[in-house]
């Protein structure tokens, strides 16, 4: 199974949606909570090529994007192969 990371903030509905989609696939991602704007926020921005919104999702180090990007990837059948890698 692939290594999945997700940067989140507390009370973020998009984060909840992304985590629910991953859970439906049997994936428990490594979660980085950046609610308090710690150093992991800067790490996320750098890894996500300047994107500052949450969630930001990475599968095996590859930037997938946010919740809508994850849902679109799943809708076109591209998520399962990445998770199986």
Protein backbone atom coordinates (compact mmCIF):
# COMPACT_ATOMS: atom_id res chain seq x y z
CA UNK A 1 0.00 0.00 0.00
CA UNK A 2 1.16 3.50 -0.82
CA UNK A 3 2.29 6.01 1.82
CA UNK A 4 -0.33 8.77 2.01
CA UNK A 5 0.16 12.10 3.78
CA UNK A 6 -2.43 14.79 4.32
CA UNK A 7 -1.98 18.28 5.72
CA UNK A 8 -5.11 19.39 7.58
CA UNK A 9 -6.58 21.99 9.92
CA UNK A 10 -9.15 21.48 12.66
CA UNK A 11 -12.79 21.92 11.65
CA UNK A 12 -11.99 21.87 7.91
CA UNK A 13 -14.88 20.25 5.99
CA UNK A 14 -12.69 19.65 2.93
CA UNK A 15 -10.16 17.83 5.09
CA UNK A 16 -12.95 15.70 6.53
CA UNK A 17 -14.19 14.88 3.03
CA UNK A 18 -10.72 13.90 1.80
CA UNK A 19 -10.05 11.74 4.86
CA UNK A 20 -13.44 10.03 4.42
CA UNK A 21 -12.64 9.19 0.79
CA UNK A 22 -9.27 7.77 1.79
CA UNK A 23 -10.86 5.80 4.63
CA UNK A 24 -13.36 4.32 2.17
CA UNK A 25 -10.34 2.98 0.28
CA UNK A 26 -8.92 1.45 3.47
CA UNK A 27 -6.19 4.09 3.79
CA UNK A 28 -5.17 5.65 7.10
CA UNK A 29 -3.04 8.62 5.99
CA UNK A 30 -0.25 10.18 7.99
CA UNK A 31 -1.90 13.41 9.10
CA UNK A 32 -0.06 16.68 9.65
CA UNK A 33 -2.30 19.11 11.55
CA UNK A 34 -1.18 22.65 10.73
CA UNK A 35 -3.93 24.43 12.68
CA UNK A 36 -1.42 26.40 14.73
CA UNK A 37 0.66 27.49 11.68
CA UNK A 38 3.76 25.68 12.85
CA UNK A 39 6.81 24.78 10.78
CA UNK A 40 4.88 22.04 9.01
CA UNK A 41 2.78 24.72 7.31
CA UNK A 42 5.87 26.08 5.57
CA UNK A 43 6.86 22.52 4.67
CA UNK A 44 3.40 21.96 3.13
CA UNK A 45 3.55 25.19 1.11
CA UNK A 46 6.97 24.24 -0.25
CA UNK A 47 5.93 20.67 -1.10
CA UNK A 48 2.63 21.83 -2.61
CA UNK A 49 4.36 24.32 -4.94
CA UNK A 50 2.99 27.40 -3.16
CA UNK A 51 -0.52 26.19 -2.44
CA UNK A 52 -1.68 27.38 0.98
CA UNK A 53 -5.13 25.79 1.31
CA UNK A 54 -5.89 22.58 3.14
CA UNK A 55 -6.02 19.75 2.70
CA UNK A 56 -2.92 19.07 0.65
CA UNK A 57 -2.50 15.40 -0.16
CA UNK A 58 0.59 13.43 -1.14
CA UNK A 59 0.77 9.81 -2.26
CA UNK A 60 4.26 8.30 -2.13
CA UNK A 61 5.65 11.84 -2.10
CA UNK A 62 3.71 12.91 -5.21
CA UNK A 63 1.54 15.98 -4.76
CA UNK A 64 -2.09 15.14 -5.56
CA UNK A 65 -3.63 18.46 -4.55
CA UNK A 66 -6.64 19.21 -2.41
CA UNK A 67 -9.95 17.52 -1.69
CA UNK A 68 -11.48 18.32 -5.08
CA UNK A 69 -8.35 17.07 -6.84
CA UNK A 70 -8.49 13.82 -4.88
CA UNK A 71 -12.19 13.34 -5.69
CA UNK A 72 -11.58 14.05 -9.39
CA UNK A 73 -8.69 11.59 -9.45
CA UNK A 74 -10.94 8.96 -7.91
CA UNK A 75 -13.79 9.72 -10.34
CA UNK A 76 -11.56 9.13 -13.35
CA UNK A 77 -10.19 5.88 -11.90
CA UNK A 78 -6.70 7.13 -11.12
CA UNK A 79 -6.72 6.89 -7.33
CA UNK A 80 -6.86 3.11 -6.85
CA UNK A 81 -3.74 2.43 -8.95
CA UNK A 82 -1.75 5.03 -6.98
CA UNK A 83 -2.87 3.57 -3.67
CA UNK A 84 -2.01 0.03 -4.77
CA UNK A 85 1.57 0.96 -5.67
